[in-house]
Amino acid sequence: MIISMVMILGPLTLTGCTRSAEPPSLPPDGAYDHDAADENSRAEPVPADGTAGSVTRPLTGAGWFCARVRANADGSALWCRIGHRDQADTVHPQVAQFLLDHDDRLAWAWFPPTGQSAEHGTDNQVATAAAPALAAIWSDAGDRVRQEINDFDRDLRSRMVQRSDEIPRTVWRDTHADYSYSVINGLVVTARDNAVRRWPFGAEHYATTMSSVVDDLRAGGYDCAYPPQESCNRTQSNGYFRVTLRGDQIVSARFGIGSRIESGRQRHPLGQEFPRGLTFLIEAVRRPVTERIEQSRRSGTGFAGIVAGTVVIIDARRGAVGGDDFAAYFDIQIGAPLIATLPV
C-alpha cells in the first residue's frame, strides 16, 4: 500500500503545502547504531502518571491498547494500537509510537498513515489520534495538528497540484516540536529541546533468532528461506509468518492461523503448522503466550494485552457454522517492532 502511494503521489506537490527536500528519515540517522545500553524488552503497562500516562490516556480512553514495550539507559518506547473493522470484518490496524527520554519527557512521536483516506465530512484518523494525545502534554498543540492536517487533506482533495519530484507534505513548528505530515509517513513529531541519543532496541526477553526457527517453520509446511526471506507462506492453510529483525534477532512476529471448533473440540491443532511449538519465542514466555493464543482459538475472540511481559495482539474473524461450532481465522502479532521502522 505504501509503495503504491509513492508511485501515485511521487510526481505531485500540493500548492498549499510546504515544499522541502525530503521528509525526516525513519528512523532518524544513527538512532539504532549503538551497542546495547541496558536494554530492557519486557513489556509493561504504561505508568499512570507522568508524560507516558498523559500522552496515552486519550488513546486508551478511546479503546486503544498501549504498553511500554522497551527501554534502555537513555529512554523508553511506547507503542499503542487499535484495530478498525470494516464492513467485511477485516481489521485495519492503526498505531501510535512515542519515545521518552530518561527524564520522562516526550522526545519523538510517530502517527503512521492508516491507508484510510479522510473523505468529506469524515475525520482524518491520524489527526483524531494525534491531536488529543499531544494536547495532553502540550495544550496548544492539538488544535494546530488538526488544522494543519485538515488543510492538507482539503488541498489534496482539491487536486491543486503541479509537477514535481517531491512527495506532498506539510511542515510546521511551535515552541515544543517540529512537525512533518504526509500521506506516506503520516505525522512525525520531533521535540525541539528533548532528545534520546541511543534508541532502545531490545527483544531478548521474548524472542529468539530467525536463523534458529527457519527449520521449525519448514517442518510445519512453510515455504521459508532465510536469509534473505523475512516472510514465509504456508499455502495449504493460507498461513503466513512474518518478522521484523535487528540483525538475526527477531523483534516482532506476525502469523495467520485458522481454527475450527466442532463439538467443543479443536479440529485444527496448532501443531499442524507449528509441530515444534512457537520456537520463535524463548522458553520462559512460550507456554503462557501459547495458552493465550489457544484460548482465543477455542472461543473465537480477539485479544490485545501483555502476557508474561510480551505484547500479544490477536485479531479474530469468526464465521458461524452452527450451534457452538465455528470456524475462524486469526491474525496474531507477538512483540512490537522498533519504533520508526516498518512495518509498524
C-alpha atoms as a PDB file:
ATOM      1  CA  MET A   1       0.000   0.000   0.000  1.00  0.00           C
ATOM      2  CA  ILE A   2       2.789   2.438   0.940  1.00  0.00           C
ATOM      3  CA  ILE A   3       4.693   1.614  -2.265  1.00  0.00           C
ATOM      4  CA  SER A   4       1.626   2.258  -4.399  1.00  0.00           C
ATOM      5  CA  MET A   5       1.065   5.630  -2.741  1.00  0.00           C
ATOM      6  CA  VAL A   6       4.636   6.613  -3.515  1.00  0.00           C
ATOM      7  CA  MET A   7       4.121   5.756  -7.183  1.00  0.00           C
ATOM      8  CA  ILE A   8       0.903   7.748  -7.350  1.00  0.00           C
ATOM      9  CA  LEU A   9       1.913  10.799  -5.349  1.00  0.00           C
ATOM     10  CA  GLY A  10       5.609  10.947  -6.124  1.00  0.00           C
ATOM     11  CA  PRO A  11       5.238  13.404  -9.061  1.00  0.00           C
ATOM     12  CA  LEU A  12       2.803  15.728  -7.241  1.00  0.00           C
ATOM     13  CA  THR A  13       3.215  18.658  -4.907  1.00  0.00           C
ATOM     14  CA  LEU A  14       0.267  20.472  -3.361  1.00  0.00           C
ATOM     15  CA  THR A  15       0.335  24.209  -3.889  1.00  0.00           C
ATOM     16  CA  GLY A  16      -0.875  24.747  -0.337  1.00  0.00           C
ATOM     17  CA  CYS A  17       1.840  22.591   1.257  1.00  0.00           C
ATOM     18  CA  THR A  18       5.403  23.281   2.223  1.00  0.00           C
ATOM     19  CA  ARG A  19       8.000  22.171  -0.296  1.00  0.00           C
ATOM     20  CA  SER A  20      11.242  20.859   1.142  1.00  0.00           C
ATOM     21  CA  ALA A  21      13.945  18.442   0.096  1.00  0.00           C
ATOM     22  CA  GLU A  22      12.888  15.292   1.924  1.00  0.00           C
ATOM     23  CA  PRO A  23      10.666  14.191   4.801  1.00  0.00           C
ATOM     24  CA  PRO A  24      12.509  13.270   8.015  1.00  0.00           C
ATOM     25  CA  SER A  25      14.203   9.897   7.784  1.00  0.00           C
ATOM     26  CA  LEU A  26      12.610   6.936   9.526  1.00  0.00           C
ATOM     27  CA  PRO A  27      14.258   6.024  11.774  1.00  0.00           C
ATOM     28  CA  PRO A  28      16.423   9.099  12.332  1.00  0.00           C
ATOM     29  CA  ASP A  29      20.022   8.596  11.261  1.00  0.00           C
ATOM     30  CA  GLY A  30      22.063   6.725  13.850  1.00  0.00           C
ATOM     31  CA  ALA A  31      19.163   6.099  16.242  1.00  0.00           C
ATOM     32  CA  TYR A  32      19.895   2.359  16.448  1.00  0.00           C
ATOM     33  CA  ASP A  33      23.607   2.398  15.608  1.00  0.00           C
ATOM     34  CA  HIS A  34      24.876   1.655  19.086  1.00  0.00           C
ATOM     35  CA  ASP A  35      25.790  -1.211  21.357  1.00  0.00           C
ATOM     36  CA  ALA A  36      23.334  -2.449  23.950  1.00  0.00           C
ATOM     37  CA  ALA A  37      22.733   0.185  26.635  1.00  0.00           C
ATOM     38  CA  ASP A  38      20.987  -1.654  29.488  1.00  0.00           C
ATOM     39  CA  GLU A  39      18.321  -2.829  27.050  1.00  0.00           C
ATOM     40  CA  ASN A  40      15.057  -3.999  28.631  1.00  0.00           C
ATOM     41  CA  SER A  41      12.493  -5.625  26.345  1.00  0.00           C
ATOM     42  CA  ARG A  42       9.988  -6.728  28.971  1.00  0.00           C
ATOM     43  CA  ALA A  43       6.679  -5.066  28.084  1.00  0.00           C
ATOM     44  CA  GLU A  44       4.881  -3.293  30.910  1.00  0.00           C
ATOM     45  CA  PRO A  45       1.657  -1.312  31.312  1.00  0.00           C
ATOM     46  CA  VAL A  46       2.129   2.387  30.706  1.00  0.00           C
ATOM     47  CA  PRO A  47       2.691   4.198  34.032  1.00  0.00           C
ATOM     48  CA  ALA A  48      -0.444   6.049  35.073  1.00  0.00           C
ATOM     49  CA  ASP A  49       1.410   9.218  35.973  1.00  0.00           C
ATOM     50  CA  GLY A  50       3.947  11.387  34.174  1.00  0.00           C
ATOM     51  CA  THR A  51       4.247  12.096  30.477  1.00  0.00           C
ATOM     52  CA  ALA A  52       3.740   8.468  29.458  1.00  0.00           C
ATOM     53  CA  GLY A  53       0.391   8.272  31.196  1.00  0.00           C
ATOM     54  CA  SER A  54      -0.719  11.673  29.942  1.00  0.00           C
ATOM     55  CA  VAL A  55       0.106  11.137  26.272  1.00  0.00           C
ATOM     56  CA  THR A  56      -1.511   7.682  26.082  1.00  0.00           C
ATOM     57  CA  ARG A  57      -4.599   8.313  28.224  1.00  0.00           C
ATOM     58  CA  PRO A  58      -6.658   9.882  25.395  1.00  0.00           C
ATOM     59  CA  LEU A  59      -5.887   6.833  23.261  1.00  0.00           C
ATOM     60  CA  THR A  60      -6.687   4.166  25.843  1.00  0.00           C
ATOM     61  CA  GLY A  61      -9.865   6.082  26.659  1.00  0.00           C
ATOM     62  CA  ALA A  62     -10.843   5.654  23.004  1.00  0.00           C
ATOM     63  CA  GLY A  63     -10.225   1.908  23.078  1.00  0.00           C
ATOM     64  CA  TRP A  64      -6.559   1.690  22.139  1.00  0.00           C
ATOM     65  CA  PHE A  65      -4.090  -0.748  23.709  1.00  0.00           C
ATOM     66  CA  CYS A  66      -0.851   0.894  24.892  1.00  0.00           C
ATOM     67  CA  ALA A  67       2.278  -0.508  26.516  1.00  0.00           C
ATOM     68  CA  ARG A  68       5.831   0.461  27.322  1.00  0.00           C
ATOM     69  CA  VAL A  69       7.449  -2.051  25.007  1.00  0.00           C
ATOM     70  CA  ARG A  70      11.155  -1.459  25.632  1.00  0.00           C
ATOM     71  CA  ALA A  71      13.600   0.813  27.407  1.00  0.00           C
ATOM     72  CA  ASN A  72      17.314   1.409  27.886  1.00  0.00           C
ATOM     73  CA  ALA A  73      19.661   3.761  29.711  1.00  0.00           C
ATOM     74  CA  ASP A  74      18.618   6.741  27.581  1.00  0.00           C
ATOM     75  CA  GLY A  75      14.877   6.385  27.135  1.00  0.00           C
ATOM     76  CA  SER A  76      11.760   4.273  26.739  1.00  0.00           C
ATOM     77  CA  ALA A  77       9.468   3.398  23.841  1.00  0.00           C
ATOM     78  CA  LEU A  78       5.662   3.330  23.996  1.00  0.00           C
ATOM     79  CA  TRP A  79       3.562   1.506  21.414  1.00  0.00           C
ATOM     80  CA  CYS A  80      -0.196   1.953  21.016  1.00  0.00           C
ATOM     81  CA  ARG A  81      -2.529   0.132  18.682  1.00  0.00           C
ATOM     82  CA  ILE A  82      -6.209  -0.128  17.752  1.00  0.00           C
ATOM     83  CA  GLY A  83      -7.936  -2.281  15.133  1.00  0.00           C
ATOM     84  CA  HIS A  84     -10.600  -0.653  12.957  1.00  0.00           C
ATOM     85  CA  ARG A  85     -13.034  -3.149  11.407  1.00  0.00           C
ATOM     86  CA  ASP A  86     -14.649  -2.516   8.042  1.00  0.00           C
ATOM     87  CA  GLN A  87     -17.965  -3.874   6.757  1.00  0.00           C
ATOM     88  CA  ALA A  88     -16.248  -7.085   5.646  1.00  0.00           C
ATOM     89  CA  ASP A  89     -14.961  -7.624   9.209  1.00  0.00           C
ATOM     90  CA  THR A  90     -11.383  -7.009   8.067  1.00  0.00           C
ATOM     91  CA  VAL A  91      -9.205  -5.371  10.714  1.00  0.00           C
ATOM     92  CA  HIS A  92      -7.207  -2.296   9.713  1.00  0.00           C
ATOM     93  CA  PRO A  93      -4.675  -1.584  12.474  1.00  0.00           C
ATOM     94  CA  GLN A  94      -3.693   1.932  13.477  1.00  0.00           C
ATOM     95  CA  VAL A  95      -0.560   2.562  15.513  1.00  0.00           C
ATOM     96  CA  ALA A  96       0.973   5.398  17.527  1.00  0.00           C
ATOM     97  CA  GLN A  97       4.552   5.398  18.809  1.00  0.00           C
ATOM     98  CA  PHE A  98       6.264   7.566  21.407  1.00  0.00           C
ATOM     99  CA  LEU A  99       9.863   7.907  22.588  1.00  0.00           C
ATOM    100  CA  LEU A 100      10.511   9.396  26.021  1.00  0.00           C
ATOM    101  CA  ASP A 101      13.885  10.460  27.378  1.00  0.00           C
ATOM    102  CA  HIS A 102      15.262   9.341  30.747  1.00  0.00           C
ATOM    103  CA  ASP A 103      13.623  12.376  32.370  1.00  0.00           C
ATOM    104  CA  ASP A 104      10.148  11.277  31.165  1.00  0.00           C
ATOM    105  CA  ARG A 105       9.885  13.990  28.509  1.00  0.00           C
ATOM    106  CA  LEU A 106       8.497  13.320  25.038  1.00  0.00           C
ATOM    107  CA  ALA A 107      11.364  13.324  22.561  1.00  0.00           C
ATOM    108  CA  TRP A 108       9.747  11.902  19.442  1.00  0.00           C
ATOM    109  CA  ALA A 109       6.390  10.580  18.238  1.00  0.00           C
ATOM    110  CA  TRP A 110       5.033   8.956  15.113  1.00  0.00           C
ATOM    111  CA  PHE A 111       1.457   8.506  13.952  1.00  0.00           C
ATOM    112  CA  PRO A 112       1.806   6.400  10.786  1.00  0.00           C
ATOM    113  CA  PRO A 113      -0.756   6.668   7.978  1.00  0.00           C
ATOM    114  CA  THR A 114      -3.624   4.203   8.141  1.00  0.00           C
ATOM    115  CA  GLY A 115      -4.266   3.828   4.446  1.00  0.00           C
ATOM    116  CA  GLN A 116      -7.830   5.038   5.042  1.00  0.00           C
ATOM    117  CA  SER A 117      -8.311   8.425   3.384  1.00  0.00           C
ATOM    118  CA  ALA A 118     -10.406  11.091   5.047  1.00  0.00           C
ATOM    119  CA  GLU A 119     -13.444  11.800   2.912  1.00  0.00           C
ATOM    120  CA  HIS A 120     -15.652  14.867   3.011  1.00  0.00           C
ATOM    121  CA  GLY A 121     -17.316  15.062   6.409  1.00  0.00           C
ATOM    122  CA  THR A 122     -15.074  12.409   7.999  1.00  0.00           C
ATOM    123  CA  ASP A 123     -12.166  12.840  10.365  1.00  0.00           C
ATOM    124  CA  ASN A 124      -8.595  12.040   9.440  1.00  0.00           C
ATOM    125  CA  GLN A 125      -7.628   9.059  11.637  1.00  0.00           C
ATOM    126  CA  VAL A 126      -4.092  10.367  12.208  1.00  0.00           C
ATOM    127  CA  ALA A 127      -5.378  13.746  13.385  1.00  0.00           C
ATOM    128  CA  THR A 128      -8.040  12.091  15.539  1.00  0.00           C
ATOM    129  CA  ALA A 129      -5.346  10.157  17.401  1.00  0.00           C
ATOM    130  CA  ALA A 130      -2.517  12.697  17.445  1.00  0.00           C
ATOM    131  CA  ALA A 131      -4.372  15.854  18.429  1.00  0.00           C
ATOM    132  CA  PRO A 132      -5.687  14.760  21.867  1.00  0.00           C
ATOM    133  CA  ALA A 133      -2.523  12.790  22.669  1.00  0.00           C
ATOM    134  CA  LEU A 134      -0.212  15.745  22.042  1.00  0.00           C
ATOM    135  CA  ALA A 135      -2.615  18.243  23.617  1.00  0.00           C
ATOM    136  CA  ALA A 136      -2.431  16.237  26.833  1.00  0.00           C
ATOM    137  CA  ILE A 137       1.174  17.380  27.302  1.00  0.00           C
ATOM    138  CA  TRP A 138       1.308  20.490  25.077  1.00  0.00           C
ATOM    139  CA  SER A 139      -2.071  22.197  25.444  1.00  0.00           C
ATOM    140  CA  ASP A 140      -1.761  24.337  22.300  1.00  0.00           C
ATOM    141  CA  ALA A 141      -0.532  21.570  20.004  1.00  0.00           C
ATOM    142  CA  GLY A 142      -3.777  19.667  19.381  1.00  0.00           C
ATOM    143  CA  ASP A 143      -5.732  22.358  17.552  1.00  0.00           C
ATOM    144  CA  ARG A 144      -2.735  23.157  15.349  1.00  0.00           C
ATOM    145  CA  VAL A 145      -2.322  19.490  14.428  1.00  0.00           C
ATOM    146  CA  ARG A 146      -5.978  19.266  13.384  1.00  0.00           C
ATOM    147  CA  GLN A 147      -5.784  22.490  11.411  1.00  0.00           C
ATOM    148  CA  GLU A 148      -2.619  21.591   9.514  1.00  0.00           C
ATOM    149  CA  ILE A 149      -3.759  18.073   8.640  1.00  0.00           C
ATOM    150  CA  ASN A 150      -7.262  19.191   7.667  1.00  0.00           C
ATOM    151  CA  ASP A 151      -5.819  21.936   5.439  1.00  0.00           C
ATOM    152  CA  PHE A 152      -3.513  19.381   3.845  1.00  0.00           C
ATOM    153  CA  ASP A 153      -6.389  16.967   3.194  1.00  0.00           C
ATOM    154  CA  ARG A 154      -8.516  19.760   1.739  1.00  0.00           C
ATOM    155  CA  ASP A 155      -5.772  20.732  -0.705  1.00  0.00           C
ATOM    156  CA  LEU A 156      -5.209  17.087  -1.602  1.00  0.00           C
ATOM    157  CA  ARG A 157      -8.888  16.608  -2.408  1.00  0.00           C
ATOM    158  CA  SER A 158      -8.995  19.795  -4.474  1.00  0.00           C
ATOM    159  CA  ARG A 159      -6.229  18.403  -6.709  1.00  0.00           C
ATOM    160  CA  MET A 160      -4.378  21.733  -6.701  1.00  0.00           C
ATOM    161  CA  VAL A 161      -1.173  20.117  -7.888  1.00  0.00           C
ATOM    162  CA  GLN A 162       1.831  20.750 -10.086  1.00  0.00           C
ATOM    163  CA  ARG A 163       4.632  18.586 -11.449  1.00  0.00           C
ATOM    164  CA  SER A 164       7.447  17.924  -9.032  1.00  0.00           C
ATOM    165  CA  ASP A 165       9.780  15.184  -7.824  1.00  0.00           C
ATOM    166  CA  GLU A 166       8.697  15.710  -4.218  1.00  0.00           C
ATOM    167  CA  ILE A 167       6.123  13.936  -2.087  1.00  0.00           C
ATOM    168  CA  PRO A 168       3.307  16.272  -0.965  1.00  0.00           C
ATOM    169  CA  ARG A 169       3.742  17.155   2.680  1.00  0.00           C
ATOM    170  CA  THR A 170       3.346  19.976   5.122  1.00  0.00           C
ATOM    171  CA  VAL A 171       5.688  21.035   7.908  1.00  0.00           C
ATOM    172  CA  TRP A 172       5.300  23.406  10.826  1.00  0.00           C
ATOM    173  CA  ARG A 173       6.818  24.111  14.205  1.00  0.00           C
ATOM    174  CA  ASP A 174       5.834  25.532  17.545  1.00  0.00           C
ATOM    175  CA  THR A 175       7.620  26.115  20.837  1.00  0.00           C
ATOM    176  CA  HIS A 176       7.522  22.378  21.590  1.00  0.00           C
ATOM    177  CA  ALA A 177       8.420  20.487  18.421  1.00  0.00           C
ATOM    178  CA  ASP A 178       8.914  20.258  14.680  1.00  0.00           C
ATOM    179  CA  TYR A 179       6.103  18.513  12.784  1.00  0.00           C
ATOM    180  CA  SER A 180       6.001  16.844   9.368  1.00  0.00           C
ATOM    181  CA  TYR A 181       2.881  15.317   7.820  1.00  0.00           C
ATOM    182  CA  SER A 182       2.391  13.434   4.552  1.00  0.00           C
ATOM    183  CA  VAL A 183       0.228  10.600   3.266  1.00  0.00           C
ATOM    184  CA  ILE A 184       3.391   8.481   3.022  1.00  0.00           C
ATOM    185  CA  ASN A 185       4.848   8.932   6.527  1.00  0.00           C
ATOM    186  CA  GLY A 186       1.856  10.238   8.454  1.00  0.00           C
ATOM    187  CA  LEU A 187       2.737  12.647  11.277  1.00  0.00           C
ATOM    188  CA  VAL A 188       6.288  12.742  12.649  1.00  0.00           C
ATOM    189  CA  VAL A 189       6.880  14.868  15.756  1.00  0.00           C
ATOM    190  CA  THR A 190      10.399  15.786  16.881  1.00  0.00           C
ATOM    191  CA  ALA A 191      10.664  17.636  20.191  1.00  0.00           C
ATOM    192  CA  ARG A 192      12.879  20.706  19.979  1.00  0.00           C
ATOM    193  CA  ASP A 193      14.581  20.544  23.382  1.00  0.00           C
ATOM    194  CA  ASN A 194      14.439  16.825  24.286  1.00  0.00           C
ATOM    195  CA  ALA A 195      16.428  14.102  22.561  1.00  0.00           C
ATOM    196  CA  VAL A 196      17.370  10.468  23.009  1.00  0.00           C
ATOM    197  CA  ARG A 197      20.763   9.569  21.568  1.00  0.00           C
ATOM    198  CA  ARG A 198      20.503   5.771  21.827  1.00  0.00           C
ATOM    199  CA  TRP A 199      17.060   4.407  20.985  1.00  0.00           C
ATOM    200  CA  PRO A 200      16.058   1.147  22.745  1.00  0.00           C
ATOM    201  CA  PHE A 201      16.136  -1.967  20.575  1.00  0.00           C
ATOM    202  CA  GLY A 202      15.903  -4.995  22.886  1.00  0.00           C
ATOM    203  CA  ALA A 203      13.822  -8.104  22.167  1.00  0.00           C
ATOM    204  CA  GLU A 204      15.677 -10.862  24.022  1.00  0.00           C
ATOM    205  CA  HIS A 205      13.073 -11.093  26.779  1.00  0.00           C
ATOM    206  CA  TYR A 206      10.614 -12.843  24.490  1.00  0.00           C
ATOM    207  CA  ALA A 207      12.109 -13.713  21.077  1.00  0.00           C
ATOM    208  CA  THR A 208      14.786 -15.995  19.623  1.00  0.00           C
ATOM    209  CA  THR A 209      16.582 -15.592  16.287  1.00  0.00           C
ATOM    210  CA  MET A 210      15.279 -16.089  12.776  1.00  0.00           C
ATOM    211  CA  SER A 211      18.063 -18.482  11.784  1.00  0.00           C
ATOM    212  CA  SER A 212      17.161 -20.768  14.696  1.00  0.00           C
ATOM    213  CA  VAL A 213      13.495 -21.038  13.729  1.00  0.00           C
ATOM    214  CA  VAL A 214      13.637 -21.486   9.942  1.00  0.00           C
ATOM    215  CA  ASP A 215      13.864 -25.281  10.070  1.00  0.00           C
ATOM    216  CA  ASP A 216      10.935 -25.424  12.505  1.00  0.00           C
ATOM    217  CA  LEU A 217       8.825 -23.350  10.134  1.00  0.00           C
ATOM    218  CA  ARG A 218       9.722 -25.593   7.204  1.00  0.00           C
ATOM    219  CA  ALA A 219       8.721 -28.615   9.289  1.00  0.00           C
ATOM    220  CA  GLY A 220       5.278 -27.045   9.604  1.00  0.00           C
ATOM    221  CA  GLY A 221       4.869 -26.631   5.849  1.00  0.00           C
ATOM    222  CA  TYR A 222       6.052 -23.051   5.482  1.00  0.00           C
ATOM    223  CA  ASP A 223       7.901 -22.023   2.333  1.00  0.00           C
ATOM    224  CA  CYS A 224      10.693 -20.159   4.051  1.00  0.00           C
ATOM    225  CA  ALA A 225      14.256 -19.297   3.015  1.00  0.00           C
ATOM    226  CA  TYR A 226      16.300 -17.189   5.390  1.00  0.00           C
ATOM    227  CA  PRO A 227      18.307 -15.222   4.643  1.00  0.00           C
ATOM    228  CA  PRO A 228      17.038 -13.200   2.866  1.00  0.00           C
ATOM    229  CA  GLN A 229      13.351 -14.012   3.408  1.00  0.00           C
ATOM    230  CA  GLU A 230      11.642 -12.404   6.365  1.00  0.00           C
ATOM    231  CA  SER A 231       8.203 -13.500   5.183  1.00  0.00           C
ATOM    232  CA  CYS A 232       7.185 -17.170   4.912  1.00  0.00           C
ATOM    233  CA  ASN A 233       3.970 -18.601   3.478  1.00  0.00           C
ATOM    234  CA  ARG A 234       2.010 -21.802   4.076  1.00  0.00           C
ATOM    235  CA  THR A 235      -0.189 -22.139   1.008  1.00  0.00           C
ATOM    236  CA  GLN A 236      -2.129 -25.212   2.177  1.00  0.00           C
ATOM    237  CA  SER A 237      -3.724 -23.250   5.020  1.00  0.00           C
ATOM    238  CA  ASN A 238      -3.475 -19.658   3.764  1.00  0.00           C
ATOM    239  CA  GLY A 239      -0.958 -19.120   6.556  1.00  0.00           C
ATOM    240  CA  TYR A 240       1.890 -16.652   6.755  1.00  0.00           C
ATOM    241  CA  PHE A 241       4.758 -15.887   9.116  1.00  0.00           C
ATOM    242  CA  ARG A 242       6.482 -12.500   9.024  1.00  0.00           C
ATOM    243  CA  VAL A 243       9.099 -10.948  11.248  1.00  0.00           C
ATOM    244  CA  THR A 244      10.848  -7.684  11.868  1.00  0.00           C
ATOM    245  CA  LEU A 245      14.506  -8.115  12.703  1.00  0.00           C
ATOM    246  CA  ARG A 246      17.551  -6.382  14.102  1.00  0.00           C
ATOM    247  CA  GLY A 247      20.309  -8.408  12.606  1.00  0.00           C
ATOM    248  CA  ASP A 248      19.250 -12.021  13.191  1.00  0.00           C
ATOM    249  CA  GLN A 249      17.295 -11.169  16.350  1.00  0.00           C
ATOM    250  CA  ILE A 250      13.517 -11.392  15.957  1.00  0.00           C
ATOM    251  CA  VAL A 251      11.916  -8.180  17.226  1.00  0.00           C
ATOM    252  CA  SER A 252       8.295  -8.929  16.320  1.00  0.00           C
ATOM    253  CA  ALA A 253       6.477 -11.790  14.614  1.00  0.00           C
ATOM    254  CA  ARG A 254       3.119 -11.948  12.887  1.00  0.00           C
ATOM    255  CA  PHE A 255       1.345 -15.032  11.650  1.00  0.00           C
ATOM    256  CA  GLY A 256      -2.085 -16.132  10.466  1.00  0.00           C
ATOM    257  CA  ILE A 257      -3.748 -19.347  11.529  1.00  0.00           C
ATOM    258  CA  GLY A 258      -7.216 -20.817  11.361  1.00  0.00           C
ATOM    259  CA  SER A 259      -9.355 -22.566  13.955  1.00  0.00           C
ATOM    260  CA  ARG A 260     -12.233 -24.997  13.607  1.00  0.00           C
ATOM    261  CA  ILE A 261     -14.278 -25.930  16.646  1.00  0.00           C
ATOM    262  CA  GLU A 262     -16.636 -28.897  16.302  1.00  0.00           C
ATOM    263  CA  SER A 263     -18.483 -30.444  19.268  1.00  0.00           C
ATOM    264  CA  GLY A 264     -16.308 -28.373  21.553  1.00  0.00           C
ATOM    265  CA  ARG A 265     -13.070 -29.782  20.161  1.00  0.00           C
ATOM    266  CA  GLN A 266     -10.276 -28.094  18.206  1.00  0.00           C
ATOM    267  CA  ARG A 267     -10.086 -29.741  14.778  1.00  0.00           C
ATOM    268  CA  HIS A 268      -7.150 -27.636  13.599  1.00  0.00           C
ATOM    269  CA  PRO A 269      -4.399 -28.163  16.191  1.00  0.00           C
ATOM    270  CA  LEU A 270      -1.675 -25.564  16.465  1.00  0.00           C
ATOM    271  CA  GLY A 271       0.828 -28.378  15.907  1.00  0.00           C
ATOM    272  CA  GLN A 272      -0.291 -28.758  12.293  1.00  0.00           C
ATOM    273  CA  GLU A 273       1.503 -25.521  11.479  1.00  0.00           C
ATOM    274  CA  PHE A 274       3.979 -25.350  14.353  1.00  0.00           C
ATOM    275  CA  PRO A 275       4.860 -29.016  15.054  1.00  0.00           C
ATOM    276  CA  ARG A 276       7.700 -27.976  17.366  1.00  0.00           C
ATOM    277  CA  GLY A 277       5.714 -25.214  19.043  1.00  0.00           C
ATOM    278  CA  LEU A 278       6.235 -21.455  18.870  1.00  0.00           C
ATOM    279  CA  THR A 279      10.012 -21.767  18.912  1.00  0.00           C
ATOM    280  CA  PHE A 280      10.467 -18.164  17.812  1.00  0.00           C
ATOM    281  CA  LEU A 281       9.638 -17.376  21.446  1.00  0.00           C
ATOM    282  CA  ILE A 282      12.056 -18.087  24.281  1.00  0.00           C
ATOM    283  CA  GLU A 283      11.040 -20.925  26.567  1.00  0.00           C
ATOM    284  CA  ALA A 284      10.151 -18.676  29.524  1.00  0.00           C
ATOM    285  CA  VAL A 285       7.299 -16.972  27.649  1.00  0.00           C
ATOM    286  CA  ARG A 286       6.385 -19.669  25.111  1.00  0.00           C
ATOM    287  CA  ARG A 287       3.889 -21.586  27.236  1.00  0.00           C
ATOM    288  CA  PRO A 288       1.822 -18.641  28.583  1.00  0.00           C
ATOM    289  CA  VAL A 289       1.706 -16.969  25.162  1.00  0.00           C
ATOM    290  CA  THR A 290       0.676 -20.232  23.505  1.00  0.00           C
ATOM    291  CA  GLU A 291      -2.049 -20.747  26.115  1.00  0.00           C
ATOM    292  CA  ARG A 292      -3.384 -17.231  25.463  1.00  0.00           C
ATOM    293  CA  ILE A 293      -3.481 -17.897  21.712  1.00  0.00           C
ATOM    294  CA  GLU A 294      -5.220 -21.245  22.209  1.00  0.00           C
ATOM    295  CA  GLN A 295      -7.805 -19.594  24.449  1.00  0.00           C
ATOM    296  CA  SER A 296      -8.717 -17.208  21.634  1.00  0.00           C
ATOM    297  CA  ARG A 297      -8.755 -20.034  19.101  1.00  0.00           C
ATOM    298  CA  ARG A 298     -11.184 -22.007  21.262  1.00  0.00           C
ATOM    299  CA  SER A 299     -13.501 -19.061  21.879  1.00  0.00           C
ATOM    300  CA  GLY A 300     -13.191 -17.290  18.525  1.00  0.00           C
ATOM    301  CA  THR A 301     -12.367 -13.990  20.235  1.00  0.00           C
ATOM    302  CA  GLY A 302      -9.574 -11.454  19.903  1.00  0.00           C
ATOM    303  CA  PHE A 303      -7.126 -10.117  22.461  1.00  0.00           C
ATOM    304  CA  ALA A 304      -4.746  -7.212  22.985  1.00  0.00           C
ATOM    305  CA  GLY A 305      -2.538  -7.165  26.048  1.00  0.00           C
ATOM    306  CA  ILE A 306       0.653  -8.203  27.786  1.00  0.00           C
ATOM    307  CA  VAL A 307       1.350 -11.877  28.529  1.00  0.00           C
ATOM    308  CA  ALA A 308       4.475 -12.804  30.517  1.00  0.00           C
ATOM    309  CA  GLY A 309       5.997  -9.432  29.676  1.00  0.00           C
ATOM    310  CA  THR A 310       5.243  -9.876  25.977  1.00  0.00           C
ATOM    311  CA  VAL A 311       2.901  -7.893  23.729  1.00  0.00           C
ATOM    312  CA  VAL A 312       0.237 -10.176  22.236  1.00  0.00           C
ATOM    313  CA  ILE A 313      -2.285  -8.950  19.650  1.00  0.00           C
ATOM    314  CA  ILE A 314      -4.927 -11.350  18.293  1.00  0.00           C
ATOM    315  CA  ASP A 315      -7.408 -10.223  15.637  1.00  0.00           C
ATOM    316  CA  ALA A 316     -10.221 -12.729  15.098  1.00  0.00           C
ATOM    317  CA  ARG A 317     -12.511 -13.169  12.107  1.00  0.00           C
ATOM    318  CA  ARG A 318     -15.145 -15.679  13.083  1.00  0.00           C
ATOM    319  CA  GLY A 319     -17.681 -17.348  10.857  1.00  0.00           C
ATOM    320  CA  ALA A 320     -20.665 -19.198  12.329  1.00  0.00           C
ATOM    321  CA  VAL A 321     -21.118 -22.855  11.358  1.00  0.00           C
ATOM    322  CA  GLY A 322     -23.991 -23.938  13.557  1.00  0.00           C
ATOM    323  CA  GLY A 323     -24.707 -24.104  17.265  1.00  0.00           C
ATOM    324  CA  ASP A 324     -21.468 -23.802  19.188  1.00  0.00           C
ATOM    325  CA  ASP A 325     -19.418 -24.895  16.187  1.00  0.00           C
ATOM    326  CA  PHE A 326     -17.496 -22.270  14.274  1.00  0.00           C
ATOM    327  CA  ALA A 327     -14.551 -21.614  12.001  1.00  0.00           C
ATOM    328  CA  ALA A 328     -12.316 -18.595  12.444  1.00  0.00           C
ATOM    329  CA  TYR A 329      -9.099 -17.058  11.197  1.00  0.00           C
ATOM    330  CA  PHE A 330      -6.656 -15.226  13.435  1.00  0.00           C
ATOM    331  CA  ASP A 331      -4.009 -12.644  12.661  1.00  0.00           C
ATOM    332  CA  ILE A 332      -1.577 -12.735  15.571  1.00  0.00           C
ATOM    333  CA  GLN A 333       1.263 -10.397  16.487  1.00  0.00           C
ATOM    334  CA  ILE A 334       3.873 -11.128  19.142  1.00  0.00           C
ATOM    335  CA  GLY A 335       6.094  -8.268  20.288  1.00  0.00           C
ATOM    336  CA  ALA A 336       6.232  -4.721  18.964  1.00  0.00           C
ATOM    337  CA  PRO A 337       8.547  -3.592  16.144  1.00  0.00           C
ATOM    338  CA  LEU A 338      11.210  -0.999  16.810  1.00  0.00           C
ATOM    339  CA  ILE A 339       9.668   2.458  16.689  1.00  0.00           C
ATOM    340  CA  ALA A 340      10.141   4.457  13.484  1.00  0.00           C
ATOM    341  CA  THR A 341      10.510   1.268  11.431  1.00  0.00           C
ATOM    342  CA  LEU A 342       8.199  -0.525   9.015  1.00  0.00           C
ATOM    343  CA  PRO A 343       6.004  -2.490   9.288  1.00  0.00           C
ATOM    344  CA  VAL A 344       4.510  -0.863  12.375  1.00  0.00           C
END
